[in-house]
Amino acid sequence: MRDGALKLALRGPSIDGLAHTALIKLLAKRLVFSRRTTEMIHGDASRLKRALCSDLSFTELKNRLEDALRC
């Protein structure tokens, strides 16, 4: 994490939303939450992406991120 942002590298192409799908799959798997409650809210044409996970509080998401980064 840097400046409150998580930096990830994805191998999926940014064609037809495949990068979005790959990002959500990765986050859901590592942070243990439902992909159905997650959506991309920014970054369709940008390398900077923002995701919204509606079933976790900010504190819970932050704790899960910190735990995942320790592994």
Protein backbone atom coordinates (compact mmCIF):
# COMPACT_ATOMS: atom_id res chain seq x y z
CA MET A 1 0.00 0.00 0.00
CA ARG A 2 1.16 3.48 -0.76
CA ASP A 3 -0.67 6.73 -0.04
CA GLY A 4 -3.78 4.77 0.91
CA ALA A 5 -3.86 2.89 -2.40
CA LEU A 6 -3.14 -0.73 -3.14
CA LYS A 7 -0.92 -1.26 -6.17
CA LEU A 8 -1.60 -4.44 -8.16
CA ALA A 9 -0.34 -5.77 -11.46
CA LEU A 10 -2.83 -7.70 -13.56
CA ARG A 11 -2.12 -9.92 -16.52
CA GLY A 12 -5.61 -9.74 -17.96
CA PRO A 13 -6.04 -7.45 -20.96
CA SER A 14 -8.05 -4.28 -20.58
CA ILE A 15 -10.30 -5.37 -23.43
CA ASP A 16 -14.06 -5.74 -22.85
CA GLY A 17 -13.74 -5.33 -19.08
CA LEU A 18 -11.43 -8.33 -18.60
CA ALA A 19 -9.05 -6.32 -16.42
CA HIS A 20 -11.97 -5.26 -14.22
CA THR A 21 -13.11 -8.86 -13.90
CA ALA A 22 -9.58 -10.04 -13.08
CA LEU A 23 -9.20 -7.33 -10.42
CA ILE A 24 -12.50 -8.13 -8.73
CA LYS A 25 -11.75 -11.88 -8.80
CA LEU A 26 -8.34 -11.32 -7.23
CA LEU A 27 -9.64 -9.02 -4.51
CA ALA A 28 -12.60 -11.28 -3.71
CA LYS A 29 -10.37 -14.33 -3.42
CA ARG A 30 -7.65 -12.73 -1.30
CA LEU A 31 -9.94 -10.61 0.88
CA VAL A 32 -12.77 -13.16 1.15
CA PHE A 33 -15.85 -11.28 0.01
CA SER A 34 -18.54 -11.78 -2.61
CA ARG A 35 -17.82 -10.69 -6.17
CA ARG A 36 -21.53 -9.94 -6.59
CA THR A 37 -21.33 -7.10 -4.04
CA THR A 38 -18.32 -5.50 -5.72
CA GLU A 39 -18.28 -3.13 -8.65
CA MET A 40 -15.77 -0.98 -10.46
CA ILE A 41 -16.69 2.67 -9.93
CA HIS A 42 -13.80 4.38 -11.71
CA GLY A 43 -11.12 3.55 -14.23
CA ASP A 44 -12.70 2.23 -17.41
CA ALA A 45 -10.06 3.91 -19.56
CA SER A 46 -7.37 4.36 -16.92
CA ARG A 47 -4.70 2.30 -15.22
CA LEU A 48 -6.00 3.71 -11.92
CA LYS A 49 -9.08 1.77 -10.89
CA ARG A 50 -11.47 2.13 -7.97
CA ALA A 51 -13.66 -0.64 -6.68
CA LEU A 52 -16.60 -0.47 -4.30
CA CYS A 53 -17.31 -3.42 -2.03
CA SER A 54 -20.72 -2.87 -0.48
CA ASP A 55 -20.66 -5.74 2.03
CA LEU A 56 -17.59 -4.62 4.02
CA SER A 57 -17.02 -1.57 6.18
CA PHE A 58 -13.91 0.51 5.54
CA THR A 59 -12.31 -0.78 8.75
CA GLU A 60 -13.01 -4.43 7.87
CA LEU A 61 -11.67 -3.97 4.34
CA LYS A 62 -8.54 -2.25 5.67
CA ASN A 63 -7.94 -5.06 8.19
CA ARG A 64 -8.35 -7.72 5.49
CA LEU A 65 -5.98 -5.85 3.17
CA GLU A 66 -3.35 -5.61 5.90
CA ASP A 67 -3.72 -9.33 6.68
CA ALA A 68 -3.44 -10.26 2.98
CA LEU A 69 -0.34 -8.12 2.53
CA ARG A 70 1.41 -9.88 5.41
CA CYS A 71 1.17 -13.24 3.61
